[in-house]
N, C-alpha and C. Protein backbone atom coordinates (compact mmCIF):
# COMPACT_ATOMS: atom_id res chain seq x y z
N MET A 1 63.32 -62.31 95.08
CA MET A 1 62.94 -62.53 96.25
C MET A 1 64.01 -62.77 97.40
N ALA A 2 64.41 -61.84 98.64
CA ALA A 2 65.49 -62.12 99.46
C ALA A 2 65.05 -63.23 100.61
N ASP A 3 66.22 -64.01 100.47
CA ASP A 3 65.84 -65.41 101.81
C ASP A 3 66.52 -64.88 102.96
N ILE A 4 65.64 -65.25 104.24
CA ILE A 4 66.32 -64.81 105.10
C ILE A 4 67.39 -65.89 105.71
N ILE A 5 68.74 -65.55 106.25
CA ILE A 5 69.52 -66.48 106.15
C ILE A 5 70.29 -66.79 107.89
N VAL A 6 70.15 -68.24 108.22
CA VAL A 6 70.74 -67.76 109.66
C VAL A 6 72.37 -68.05 109.66
N PRO A 7 72.96 -67.56 110.84
CA PRO A 7 74.15 -68.18 110.65
C PRO A 7 74.69 -69.49 110.60
N GLY A 8 75.56 -69.97 110.05
CA GLY A 8 76.21 -71.60 109.68
C GLY A 8 75.56 -71.57 108.35
N GLU A 9 74.34 -71.11 108.22
CA GLU A 9 73.86 -71.69 106.26
C GLU A 9 74.88 -71.37 105.50
N THR A 10 74.75 -72.59 104.68
CA THR A 10 75.46 -72.69 103.43
C THR A 10 74.76 -71.69 102.49
N VAL A 11 76.10 -70.35 101.72
CA VAL A 11 75.49 -69.16 101.09
C VAL A 11 75.89 -69.57 99.49
N ALA A 12 77.28 -70.42 99.20
CA ALA A 12 77.79 -70.57 98.40
C ALA A 12 79.20 -71.59 98.25
N LYS A 13 79.38 -72.34 97.07
CA LYS A 13 80.37 -73.64 97.48
C LYS A 13 81.70 -72.69 97.33
N ALA A 14 83.18 -72.77 97.93
CA ALA A 14 84.18 -72.17 97.57
C ALA A 14 84.28 -71.90 96.33
N GLY A 15 84.92 -70.79 95.84
CA GLY A 15 85.55 -70.44 94.55
C GLY A 15 84.36 -69.71 93.72
N GLY A 16 83.20 -69.61 94.28
CA GLY A 16 82.24 -68.87 94.09
C GLY A 16 82.75 -67.04 94.27
N ARG A 17 81.75 -66.34 93.57
CA ARG A 17 82.11 -64.96 94.16
C ARG A 17 82.10 -64.94 95.50
N PRO A 18 82.77 -63.63 96.30
CA PRO A 18 82.89 -63.44 97.74
C PRO A 18 81.44 -62.62 98.01
N VAL A 19 81.00 -63.28 99.14
CA VAL A 19 79.84 -62.43 99.81
C VAL A 19 80.32 -61.93 101.12
N GLY A 20 79.62 -60.58 101.34
CA GLY A 20 80.39 -60.15 102.55
C GLY A 20 79.43 -60.71 103.97
N ASN A 21 79.65 -60.74 104.87
CA ASN A 21 79.08 -61.33 106.36
C ASN A 21 79.23 -62.81 106.22
N THR A 22 80.32 -63.38 105.46
CA THR A 22 80.06 -65.20 105.42
C THR A 22 82.00 -65.14 106.14
N TYR A 23 81.73 -66.76 106.33
CA TYR A 23 82.98 -67.15 106.27
C TYR A 23 83.14 -68.54 105.55
N ARG A 24 84.14 -68.88 105.50
CA ARG A 24 84.67 -70.30 104.73
C ARG A 24 84.63 -71.31 105.90
N GLU A 25 83.98 -72.33 105.45
CA GLU A 25 84.22 -73.55 106.56
C GLU A 25 84.46 -74.76 105.21
N GLY A 26 85.57 -75.22 104.97
CA GLY A 26 85.74 -76.40 104.16
C GLY A 26 85.33 -75.99 102.93
N ASP A 27 84.25 -76.35 102.11
CA ASP A 27 84.59 -75.90 100.70
C ASP A 27 83.15 -74.79 100.44
N SER A 28 82.76 -74.53 101.89
CA SER A 28 81.75 -73.39 101.61
C SER A 28 81.46 -72.53 102.25
N MET A 29 80.81 -71.54 101.71
CA MET A 29 80.88 -70.38 102.49
C MET A 29 79.59 -70.15 103.56
N ARG A 30 79.98 -69.94 104.78
CA ARG A 30 78.44 -69.96 105.55
C ARG A 30 78.31 -68.61 105.94
N SER A 31 76.81 -68.14 106.71
CA SER A 31 76.18 -66.89 107.02
C SER A 31 77.37 -66.86 108.37
N ALA A 32 77.78 -65.48 108.47
CA ALA A 32 78.02 -65.02 110.04
C ALA A 32 76.86 -64.30 110.60
N VAL A 33 75.95 -63.93 110.06
CA VAL A 33 74.85 -63.18 110.58
C VAL A 33 73.56 -63.61 110.42
N VAL A 34 72.60 -63.17 111.16
CA VAL A 34 71.04 -63.55 110.44
C VAL A 34 70.99 -61.78 109.84
N GLY A 35 70.52 -62.75 108.59
CA GLY A 35 70.34 -61.49 107.47
C GLY A 35 69.30 -61.98 106.15
N LEU A 36 69.47 -61.22 105.35
CA LEU A 36 68.86 -61.58 104.04
C LEU A 36 69.73 -61.59 102.87
N TYR A 37 69.21 -62.58 102.09
CA TYR A 37 70.32 -62.95 101.15
C TYR A 37 69.47 -63.13 99.84
N LYS A 38 70.11 -62.87 98.94
CA LYS A 38 69.45 -63.49 97.34
C LYS A 38 70.76 -63.89 96.30
N GLU A 39 70.45 -64.87 95.72
CA GLU A 39 71.46 -65.39 95.38
C GLU A 39 71.92 -64.30 94.05
N GLY A 40 73.13 -64.10 94.07
CA GLY A 40 73.94 -62.94 93.17
C GLY A 40 74.29 -62.18 93.82
N ASP A 41 73.69 -61.40 95.04
CA ASP A 41 74.34 -60.42 95.77
C ASP A 41 75.59 -60.53 96.11
N ASP A 42 76.51 -59.57 96.54
CA ASP A 42 77.65 -59.46 97.06
C ASP A 42 77.66 -59.49 98.68
N ARG A 43 76.69 -59.31 98.70
CA ARG A 43 76.64 -59.28 100.35
C ARG A 43 75.26 -59.60 101.41
N ILE A 44 75.54 -60.23 102.41
CA ILE A 44 74.08 -60.64 103.26
C ILE A 44 73.78 -59.18 104.31
N ILE A 45 72.79 -58.93 104.15
CA ILE A 45 72.19 -57.74 104.51
C ILE A 45 72.15 -58.16 106.16
N PRO A 46 72.59 -57.45 107.00
CA PRO A 46 72.10 -58.32 108.55
C PRO A 46 71.09 -57.57 109.14
N LEU A 47 70.19 -58.37 109.93
CA LEU A 47 68.73 -57.76 110.56
C LEU A 47 69.21 -57.94 112.00
N GLN A 48 70.54 -58.11 112.56
CA GLN A 48 70.70 -57.83 114.45
C GLN A 48 72.25 -57.18 113.84
N GLY A 49 72.21 -56.82 115.00
CA GLY A 49 73.78 -56.06 115.77
C GLY A 49 73.64 -54.76 116.14
N PRO A 50 74.71 -54.37 116.54
CA PRO A 50 75.00 -52.93 116.96
C PRO A 50 75.54 -52.12 115.68
N TYR A 51 75.42 -50.92 115.76
CA TYR A 51 75.78 -49.91 114.79
C TYR A 51 77.40 -49.72 115.14
N LEU A 52 77.76 -50.17 113.85
CA LEU A 52 79.50 -50.22 113.95
C LEU A 52 79.78 -48.96 112.71
N PRO A 53 80.36 -47.53 113.23
CA PRO A 53 80.37 -46.53 112.28
C PRO A 53 81.53 -47.15 110.97
N ALA A 54 80.98 -46.44 109.86
CA ALA A 54 82.41 -46.06 108.57
C ALA A 54 82.22 -44.66 108.52
N ILE A 55 83.18 -44.27 107.58
CA ILE A 55 83.55 -43.28 107.27
C ILE A 55 82.07 -42.67 106.20
N GLY A 56 82.45 -41.38 106.34
CA GLY A 56 80.82 -40.77 105.32
C GLY A 56 79.45 -41.34 106.16
N ASP A 57 79.56 -42.03 107.15
CA ASP A 57 77.98 -42.35 107.59
C ASP A 57 77.37 -41.05 108.10
N PHE A 58 76.10 -40.72 107.61
CA PHE A 58 75.67 -39.59 108.46
C PHE A 58 74.82 -40.33 109.45
N VAL A 59 74.88 -39.64 110.73
CA VAL A 59 74.71 -39.90 112.07
C VAL A 59 74.04 -38.91 112.96
N ILE A 60 73.00 -39.32 113.75
CA ILE A 60 72.43 -38.40 114.51
C ILE A 60 72.89 -38.67 116.09
N GLY A 61 73.61 -37.96 116.83
CA GLY A 61 74.16 -37.97 117.96
C GLY A 61 73.52 -37.23 119.31
N VAL A 62 73.89 -37.68 120.28
CA VAL A 62 73.41 -36.49 121.48
C VAL A 62 74.60 -36.45 122.28
N VAL A 63 74.59 -35.05 122.70
CA VAL A 63 76.16 -34.69 123.55
C VAL A 63 76.09 -35.25 124.73
N GLN A 64 77.27 -35.73 124.98
CA GLN A 64 77.34 -36.89 126.68
C GLN A 64 78.00 -36.12 127.39
N ASP A 65 79.41 -35.24 126.82
CA ASP A 65 80.08 -34.65 127.66
C ASP A 65 80.77 -33.38 126.76
N VAL A 66 80.58 -32.25 127.49
CA VAL A 66 81.02 -30.62 127.39
C VAL A 66 82.97 -30.71 127.86
N ARG A 67 83.58 -30.56 126.61
CA ARG A 67 84.70 -30.04 127.04
C ARG A 67 85.40 -28.54 126.65
N PHE A 68 86.35 -28.41 126.82
CA PHE A 68 87.25 -26.98 126.78
C PHE A 68 87.08 -27.22 124.99
N THR A 69 87.82 -28.29 124.14
CA THR A 69 88.05 -27.95 122.94
C THR A 69 86.91 -29.10 122.49
N SER A 70 86.20 -30.01 122.69
CA SER A 70 85.52 -30.85 122.31
C SER A 70 84.44 -31.42 122.92
N TYR A 71 83.43 -31.77 121.89
CA TYR A 71 82.32 -32.59 122.56
C TYR A 71 82.11 -33.76 122.29
N THR A 72 82.03 -34.88 123.77
CA THR A 72 82.03 -36.60 123.20
C THR A 72 80.53 -36.67 122.89
N MET A 73 79.74 -37.07 121.97
CA MET A 73 78.63 -37.68 121.45
C MET A 73 78.31 -38.92 121.70
N ASN A 74 77.46 -39.21 121.88
CA ASN A 74 76.76 -40.86 122.16
C ASN A 74 76.23 -40.78 120.70
N ILE A 75 76.81 -41.68 119.93
CA ILE A 75 76.07 -41.98 118.85
C ILE A 75 75.52 -43.45 118.17
N ASN A 76 74.91 -44.09 119.77
CA ASN A 76 74.32 -45.04 119.70
C ASN A 76 74.97 -46.47 119.10
N SER A 77 76.38 -46.34 119.29
CA SER A 77 77.40 -47.38 119.13
C SER A 77 78.20 -47.60 120.14
N PRO A 78 78.47 -48.97 120.22
CA PRO A 78 79.77 -49.33 121.23
C PRO A 78 81.00 -47.96 121.39
N TYR A 79 81.29 -47.46 120.66
CA TYR A 79 81.84 -46.05 120.51
C TYR A 79 81.56 -44.88 120.46
N ASN A 80 81.88 -43.89 121.13
CA ASN A 80 81.75 -42.37 121.07
C ASN A 80 82.22 -41.83 120.08
N GLY A 81 81.40 -40.76 119.58
CA GLY A 81 81.92 -39.78 118.79
C GLY A 81 82.36 -38.69 119.29
N SER A 82 83.65 -37.77 118.74
CA SER A 82 84.38 -36.79 119.09
C SER A 82 84.18 -35.44 118.02
N LEU A 83 83.46 -34.76 118.34
CA LEU A 83 83.26 -33.31 117.90
C LEU A 83 84.10 -31.80 118.59
N SER A 84 84.93 -31.12 117.44
CA SER A 84 85.60 -30.28 117.79
C SER A 84 84.74 -29.09 117.92
N SER A 85 84.94 -28.59 119.00
CA SER A 85 84.23 -27.36 119.22
C SER A 85 84.74 -26.31 117.99
N LYS A 86 85.73 -26.14 117.11
CA LYS A 86 86.08 -25.50 116.47
C LYS A 86 85.23 -25.60 115.12
N ALA A 87 84.38 -26.85 114.64
CA ALA A 87 83.55 -27.59 113.93
C ALA A 87 82.27 -26.73 114.09
N THR A 88 81.87 -26.41 114.84
CA THR A 88 80.55 -25.76 115.10
C THR A 88 80.35 -24.29 115.63
N ARG A 89 79.60 -23.41 115.37
CA ARG A 89 79.40 -22.14 115.46
C ARG A 89 78.73 -22.14 116.98
N ASP A 90 77.68 -23.33 116.79
CA ASP A 90 76.89 -23.18 118.33
C ASP A 90 77.67 -23.49 119.69
N GLU A 91 77.32 -23.20 120.68
CA GLU A 91 77.79 -23.86 122.18
C GLU A 91 76.87 -24.53 122.50
N LEU A 92 76.88 -25.77 122.07
CA LEU A 92 76.75 -27.10 122.43
C LEU A 92 76.31 -27.44 124.24
N LYS A 93 75.12 -28.08 124.51
CA LYS A 93 74.86 -28.31 125.91
C LYS A 93 74.75 -29.95 126.34
N LEU A 94 74.63 -30.40 127.06
CA LEU A 94 74.25 -31.60 127.47
C LEU A 94 72.88 -32.06 126.80
N GLY A 95 72.84 -33.35 126.36
CA GLY A 95 71.99 -33.61 125.87
C GLY A 95 71.61 -32.89 124.64
N ASP A 96 71.96 -31.98 124.00
CA ASP A 96 71.61 -31.47 122.52
C ASP A 96 71.56 -32.59 121.36
N ILE A 97 71.15 -32.38 120.50
CA ILE A 97 71.17 -33.47 119.26
C ILE A 97 71.72 -32.91 118.34
N ILE A 98 72.16 -33.17 117.60
CA ILE A 98 72.94 -32.77 116.34
C ILE A 98 73.00 -34.01 115.25
N SER A 99 72.99 -33.90 114.08
CA SER A 99 73.27 -34.36 112.97
C SER A 99 74.75 -34.09 112.60
N ALA A 100 75.61 -35.16 112.26
CA ALA A 100 77.06 -35.28 111.62
C ALA A 100 77.52 -36.10 110.87
N VAL A 101 78.67 -36.27 110.26
CA VAL A 101 79.17 -37.09 109.31
C VAL A 101 80.07 -37.71 109.83
N VAL A 102 80.51 -38.93 109.99
CA VAL A 102 81.75 -39.54 110.36
C VAL A 102 82.94 -39.34 109.59
N ALA A 103 83.92 -38.43 110.03
CA ALA A 103 84.86 -38.01 109.11
C ALA A 103 86.19 -38.80 109.06
N ALA A 104 86.53 -39.62 110.39
CA ALA A 104 87.46 -40.14 110.59
C ALA A 104 87.38 -41.17 111.65
N ILE A 105 87.94 -42.69 111.48
CA ILE A 105 88.31 -43.59 112.37
C ILE A 105 89.30 -44.18 112.60
N ASP A 106 90.06 -44.12 113.82
CA ASP A 106 91.74 -44.51 113.93
C ASP A 106 91.31 -45.87 114.54
N GLU A 107 92.51 -46.26 114.81
CA GLU A 107 92.86 -47.76 115.05
C GLU A 107 92.24 -48.11 116.31
N SER A 108 91.95 -47.42 117.25
CA SER A 108 91.65 -47.43 118.61
C SER A 108 89.99 -47.24 118.59
N LYS A 109 89.52 -47.24 117.38
CA LYS A 109 88.06 -46.73 117.40
C LYS A 109 87.57 -45.61 117.49
N ASN A 110 88.39 -44.34 117.59
CA ASN A 110 87.92 -43.28 118.08
C ASN A 110 87.41 -42.53 117.02
N ILE A 111 86.43 -42.04 116.84
CA ILE A 111 85.25 -41.56 115.94
C ILE A 111 85.49 -40.23 115.71
N THR A 112 85.70 -39.27 114.87
CA THR A 112 85.91 -37.45 114.50
C THR A 112 84.78 -37.38 113.89
N LEU A 113 83.77 -36.66 114.11
CA LEU A 113 82.74 -36.46 113.47
C LEU A 113 82.84 -34.91 112.82
N GLU A 114 82.13 -34.16 111.69
CA GLU A 114 82.28 -33.21 111.15
C GLU A 114 81.05 -32.89 110.40
N GLU A 115 81.02 -31.43 110.11
CA GLU A 115 79.73 -30.97 109.47
C GLU A 115 78.21 -31.31 110.23
N PRO A 116 78.62 -30.44 111.79
CA PRO A 116 77.82 -30.71 112.85
C PRO A 116 76.33 -29.87 112.05
N ARG A 117 75.04 -30.00 112.77
CA ARG A 117 73.89 -29.13 112.37
C ARG A 117 73.18 -29.66 113.53
N ARG A 118 72.52 -28.81 114.64
CA ARG A 118 72.06 -29.00 115.79
C ARG A 118 70.52 -29.25 115.50
N LEU A 119 70.24 -29.85 115.85
CA LEU A 119 68.78 -30.52 115.08
C LEU A 119 67.97 -29.83 116.49
N ILE A 120 66.83 -28.96 116.27
CA ILE A 120 66.32 -28.01 117.32
C ILE A 120 64.52 -28.72 117.61
N GLY A 121 63.59 -29.13 118.55
CA GLY A 121 62.54 -29.65 118.44
C GLY A 121 62.63 -30.83 117.65
N GLY A 122 61.47 -31.40 117.32
CA GLY A 122 61.07 -32.58 116.89
C GLY A 122 61.24 -33.67 117.77
N GLU A 123 61.28 -34.85 117.17
CA GLU A 123 61.44 -36.00 118.42
C GLU A 123 62.16 -37.32 117.61
N ILE A 124 63.15 -38.29 118.64
CA ILE A 124 63.83 -38.85 117.95
C ILE A 124 62.94 -40.46 118.17
N VAL A 125 63.06 -41.04 117.10
CA VAL A 125 62.57 -42.69 116.84
C VAL A 125 63.99 -43.28 116.53
N SER A 126 63.97 -44.05 117.67
CA SER A 126 65.22 -45.15 117.48
C SER A 126 64.97 -46.43 116.97
N ILE A 127 65.47 -47.31 115.87
CA ILE A 127 65.48 -48.60 115.47
C ILE A 127 66.93 -49.24 115.11
N SER A 128 66.54 -50.20 114.69
CA SER A 128 67.80 -51.29 114.91
C SER A 128 68.58 -50.30 113.44
N SER A 129 69.74 -50.51 113.78
CA SER A 129 70.78 -49.51 113.00
C SER A 129 70.51 -50.69 111.20
N VAL A 130 70.97 -51.85 111.64
CA VAL A 130 70.56 -52.76 110.73
C VAL A 130 69.37 -52.65 109.70
N LYS A 131 68.49 -52.19 110.05
CA LYS A 131 67.07 -51.96 109.57
C LYS A 131 67.22 -50.59 108.71
N VAL A 132 67.76 -49.52 108.91
CA VAL A 132 67.99 -48.37 108.40
C VAL A 132 68.04 -48.33 106.58
N PRO A 133 69.08 -49.24 105.95
CA PRO A 133 68.60 -49.12 104.57
C PRO A 133 67.31 -49.45 103.80
N ARG A 134 66.33 -50.19 104.72
CA ARG A 134 64.85 -50.15 104.50
C ARG A 134 64.02 -49.06 104.52
N VAL A 135 64.54 -48.61 105.69
CA VAL A 135 63.77 -47.14 106.17
C VAL A 135 64.36 -46.32 104.63
N ILE A 136 65.17 -46.14 104.64
CA ILE A 136 65.55 -45.20 103.40
C ILE A 136 65.28 -45.40 101.75
N GLY A 137 65.39 -46.85 101.47
CA GLY A 137 64.74 -47.65 100.43
C GLY A 137 65.83 -47.18 99.53
N LYS A 138 65.01 -47.69 98.20
CA LYS A 138 66.03 -47.40 96.73
C LYS A 138 66.40 -46.12 96.73
N LYS A 139 67.48 -45.43 96.15
CA LYS A 139 67.09 -43.91 95.87
C LYS A 139 66.63 -43.16 97.00
N ASN A 140 66.57 -43.78 97.94
CA ASN A 140 65.98 -42.58 99.16
C ASN A 140 64.01 -42.86 98.66
N SER A 141 63.61 -43.74 98.09
CA SER A 141 62.06 -43.86 97.60
C SER A 141 61.56 -44.16 98.95
N MET A 142 61.85 -44.52 99.96
CA MET A 142 60.96 -45.23 101.22
C MET A 142 60.95 -44.24 101.91
N VAL A 143 61.85 -43.31 102.36
CA VAL A 143 61.80 -42.08 103.27
C VAL A 143 61.69 -41.20 102.54
N ASN A 144 61.64 -40.79 101.13
CA ASN A 144 60.80 -39.60 100.66
C ASN A 144 59.15 -39.87 100.42
N MET A 145 58.96 -41.41 100.17
CA MET A 145 57.35 -41.42 100.66
C MET A 145 56.80 -40.73 101.99
N ILE A 146 57.64 -41.56 102.70
CA ILE A 146 57.21 -40.76 104.37
C ILE A 146 56.77 -39.28 104.23
N ILE A 147 58.11 -38.56 103.73
CA ILE A 147 57.84 -36.92 103.50
C ILE A 147 57.10 -36.86 103.30
N ASP A 148 56.60 -37.08 101.98
CA ASP A 148 55.70 -36.55 100.98
C ASP A 148 54.33 -36.66 101.36
N SER A 149 53.94 -37.97 102.16
CA SER A 149 52.54 -38.31 102.84
C SER A 149 52.63 -37.73 104.00
N THR A 150 53.40 -37.20 104.74
CA THR A 150 53.07 -36.82 106.35
C THR A 150 53.65 -35.18 106.54
N LYS A 151 54.23 -34.60 105.21
CA LYS A 151 54.97 -33.12 105.37
C LYS A 151 55.67 -33.37 106.41
N SER A 152 56.47 -34.16 106.77
CA SER A 152 57.39 -33.90 107.99
C SER A 152 58.50 -33.89 107.48
N GLU A 153 59.58 -33.32 108.35
CA GLU A 153 60.96 -33.22 107.98
C GLU A 153 61.44 -34.33 108.89
N VAL A 154 62.26 -35.39 107.84
CA VAL A 154 62.88 -36.54 108.22
C VAL A 154 64.46 -36.66 108.05
N GLN A 155 65.12 -36.95 109.04
CA GLN A 155 66.46 -37.04 109.02
C GLN A 155 66.87 -38.70 109.18
N VAL A 156 67.30 -39.19 108.44
CA VAL A 156 67.43 -41.03 109.20
C VAL A 156 68.95 -40.72 109.44
N GLY A 157 69.40 -41.34 110.20
CA GLY A 157 70.69 -41.55 111.01
C GLY A 157 71.46 -43.03 110.72
N ARG A 158 72.63 -43.17 109.87
CA ARG A 158 72.69 -44.59 109.54
C ARG A 158 72.89 -45.36 111.15
N ASN A 159 73.09 -44.69 112.11
CA ASN A 159 73.20 -45.03 113.60
C ASN A 159 71.74 -45.66 114.05
N GLY A 160 70.86 -45.28 113.48
CA GLY A 160 69.73 -46.15 113.89
C GLY A 160 68.50 -44.92 114.71
N ARG A 161 69.49 -43.98 114.57
CA ARG A 161 68.38 -42.50 115.23
C ARG A 161 67.44 -41.78 114.09
N ILE A 162 66.60 -41.40 114.11
CA ILE A 162 65.79 -41.07 113.43
C ILE A 162 65.14 -39.48 114.06
N TRP A 163 65.44 -38.62 113.35
CA TRP A 163 64.89 -37.39 113.67
C TRP A 163 63.72 -36.59 113.08
N ILE A 164 62.59 -36.58 113.38
CA ILE A 164 61.20 -36.05 112.84
C ILE A 164 60.49 -34.65 113.57
N LYS A 165 60.15 -33.70 112.36
CA LYS A 165 59.77 -32.75 113.15
C LYS A 165 58.72 -32.08 111.98
N GLY A 166 57.67 -31.70 112.50
CA GLY A 166 56.42 -30.84 111.83
C GLY A 166 55.61 -31.94 110.68
N GLY A 167 54.52 -31.35 110.56
CA GLY A 167 53.94 -32.63 109.67
C GLY A 167 52.81 -33.28 110.52
N ASN A 168 52.83 -34.45 109.87
CA ASN A 168 52.19 -35.46 110.77
C ASN A 168 53.28 -36.53 111.48
N SER A 169 53.87 -35.66 112.47
CA SER A 169 55.30 -36.54 112.73
C SER A 169 54.66 -38.22 113.63
N ALA A 170 53.70 -38.13 114.03
CA ALA A 170 53.24 -39.28 114.52
C ALA A 170 52.87 -40.25 113.30
N LEU A 171 52.51 -40.02 112.41
CA LEU A 171 52.37 -41.11 111.54
C LEU A 171 53.47 -41.48 110.59
N ALA A 172 54.64 -40.36 110.62
CA ALA A 172 55.71 -41.03 110.43
C ALA A 172 56.42 -41.55 110.99
N ALA A 173 56.44 -41.80 112.32
CA ALA A 173 56.80 -42.46 113.68
C ALA A 173 56.30 -43.80 113.14
N MET A 174 54.86 -44.04 113.31
CA MET A 174 54.15 -45.32 112.78
C MET A 174 54.89 -45.84 111.58
N ALA A 175 54.80 -45.20 110.65
CA ALA A 175 55.28 -45.70 109.51
C ALA A 175 57.03 -46.33 109.76
N ILE A 176 57.75 -45.56 110.11
CA ILE A 176 59.10 -46.32 110.39
C ILE A 176 59.43 -47.40 111.34
N LEU A 177 58.45 -47.11 112.66
CA LEU A 177 58.34 -48.39 113.23
C LEU A 177 57.87 -49.99 112.46
N LYS A 178 56.84 -49.44 111.78
CA LYS A 178 56.31 -50.46 110.86
C LYS A 178 57.44 -50.90 109.81
N ILE A 179 58.26 -50.43 109.30
CA ILE A 179 59.14 -50.59 108.64
C ILE A 179 60.15 -51.78 109.39
N GLU A 180 60.37 -51.42 110.85
CA GLU A 180 61.48 -52.09 111.08
C GLU A 180 60.80 -53.43 111.64
N THR A 181 59.60 -53.51 111.75
CA THR A 181 58.93 -54.60 112.13
C THR A 181 59.09 -55.77 110.93
N GLU A 182 58.94 -55.11 109.76
CA GLU A 182 58.60 -55.61 108.71
C GLU A 182 59.87 -55.69 108.00
N ALA A 183 60.84 -55.41 107.99
CA ALA A 183 61.94 -55.01 107.39
C ALA A 183 62.55 -56.58 106.87
N HIS A 184 62.28 -57.58 107.06
CA HIS A 184 62.62 -58.69 106.77
C HIS A 184 61.82 -59.10 105.32
N THR A 185 60.30 -58.44 105.15
CA THR A 185 59.96 -59.02 104.02
C THR A 185 59.67 -58.60 102.97
N SER A 186 58.90 -59.02 101.72
CA SER A 186 59.23 -58.66 100.47
C SER A 186 57.91 -57.77 100.39
N GLY A 187 57.78 -56.81 99.21
CA GLY A 187 56.45 -56.10 98.98
C GLY A 187 56.50 -55.14 99.96
N LEU A 188 57.26 -54.44 100.84
CA LEU A 188 57.09 -53.68 101.82
C LEU A 188 56.72 -52.16 101.30
N THR A 189 57.51 -51.77 100.48
CA THR A 189 57.43 -50.39 99.79
C THR A 189 55.76 -50.28 99.55
N ASP A 190 54.57 -51.63 98.80
CA ASP A 190 53.59 -51.19 98.81
C ASP A 190 52.83 -51.05 99.60
N ARG A 191 53.56 -52.07 100.79
CA ARG A 191 52.73 -52.10 102.14
C ARG A 191 52.67 -50.86 103.11
N ILE A 192 53.90 -50.22 102.76
CA ILE A 192 53.77 -48.78 103.54
C ILE A 192 53.22 -47.54 102.95
N ASN A 193 53.13 -47.82 101.43
CA ASN A 193 52.27 -46.77 100.85
C ASN A 193 50.86 -47.18 101.19
N ALA A 194 50.31 -48.05 101.15
CA ALA A 194 48.93 -48.49 101.42
C ALA A 194 48.70 -48.13 102.73
N PHE A 195 49.44 -48.19 103.89
CA PHE A 195 49.32 -47.96 104.72
C PHE A 195 49.27 -46.48 105.32
N LEU A 196 50.16 -45.92 104.86
CA LEU A 196 50.09 -44.38 104.61
C LEU A 196 48.78 -43.66 104.49
N LYS A 197 48.39 -44.42 103.09
CA LYS A 197 47.32 -43.73 102.66
C LYS A 197 46.19 -44.09 103.15
N ALA A 198 45.86 -45.15 104.02
CA ALA A 198 44.66 -45.78 104.61
C ALA A 198 44.91 -44.63 105.89
N GLU A 199 46.03 -44.12 106.51
CA GLU A 199 45.84 -43.22 107.61
C GLU A 199 45.87 -42.42 107.50
N MET A 200 46.09 -42.00 106.32
CA MET A 200 45.37 -40.24 105.89
C MET A 200 44.36 -39.99 105.71
N GLU A 201 43.40 -41.29 105.22
CA GLU A 201 42.07 -41.06 104.51
C GLU A 201 41.26 -41.42 106.01
N LYS A 202 41.65 -42.19 107.18
CA LYS A 202 40.95 -42.25 108.48
C LYS A 202 41.34 -40.77 108.94
N ASN A 203 42.14 -40.25 108.99
CA ASN A 203 42.78 -38.87 109.84
C ASN A 203 41.97 -37.67 109.18
N ASN A 204 41.67 -38.07 107.83
CA ASN A 204 40.80 -36.81 107.12
C ASN A 204 39.28 -36.87 107.39
N LYS A 205 38.97 -37.93 107.70
CA LYS A 205 37.44 -38.36 108.15
C LYS A 205 36.96 -37.92 109.30
N VAL A 206 38.43 -37.67 110.45
CA VAL A 206 38.01 -37.52 111.53
C VAL A 206 37.45 -35.89 111.91
């Protein structure tokens, strides 16, 4: 079971295996973030913080500015993304929602997006980006459980935006927000499974 670690808390003595999201102080490695850590893991999973893009990330963005050769995308980060107009056949407008992949990041933190897909209809649920791995689950187990239970189309962006369309989208959103609230706890998959079943039974009785 993972423990909640706070900044400054000792994770391991110097000389031990490196652990991500830590810093060295004297002969100890201390946590630099509030997060979850289990002895033997190679990193602390942060529970707070903004979305910082990484190459290969699947993100959901909103068109913020339209230019002749490109679109500026709000990707829920301190940095905007840029999408070339040549990368999409759609003529995008302000406020349009797309999914895309982070293709490149330069030294000035300019983010290049590729593989865009315009998302029409549906709704966006926004959560802390550091809780996204819990929504996805191991080998997509958590998000697939939500999709199977609600029959909704669900696209999970690493930037904390989740697009939901069709099926019981309200229940899908409720489950995702419940995961965000309880992301730091153990036994989460079983609780979400029980929650989904209980809500589905309740709806069937109405």
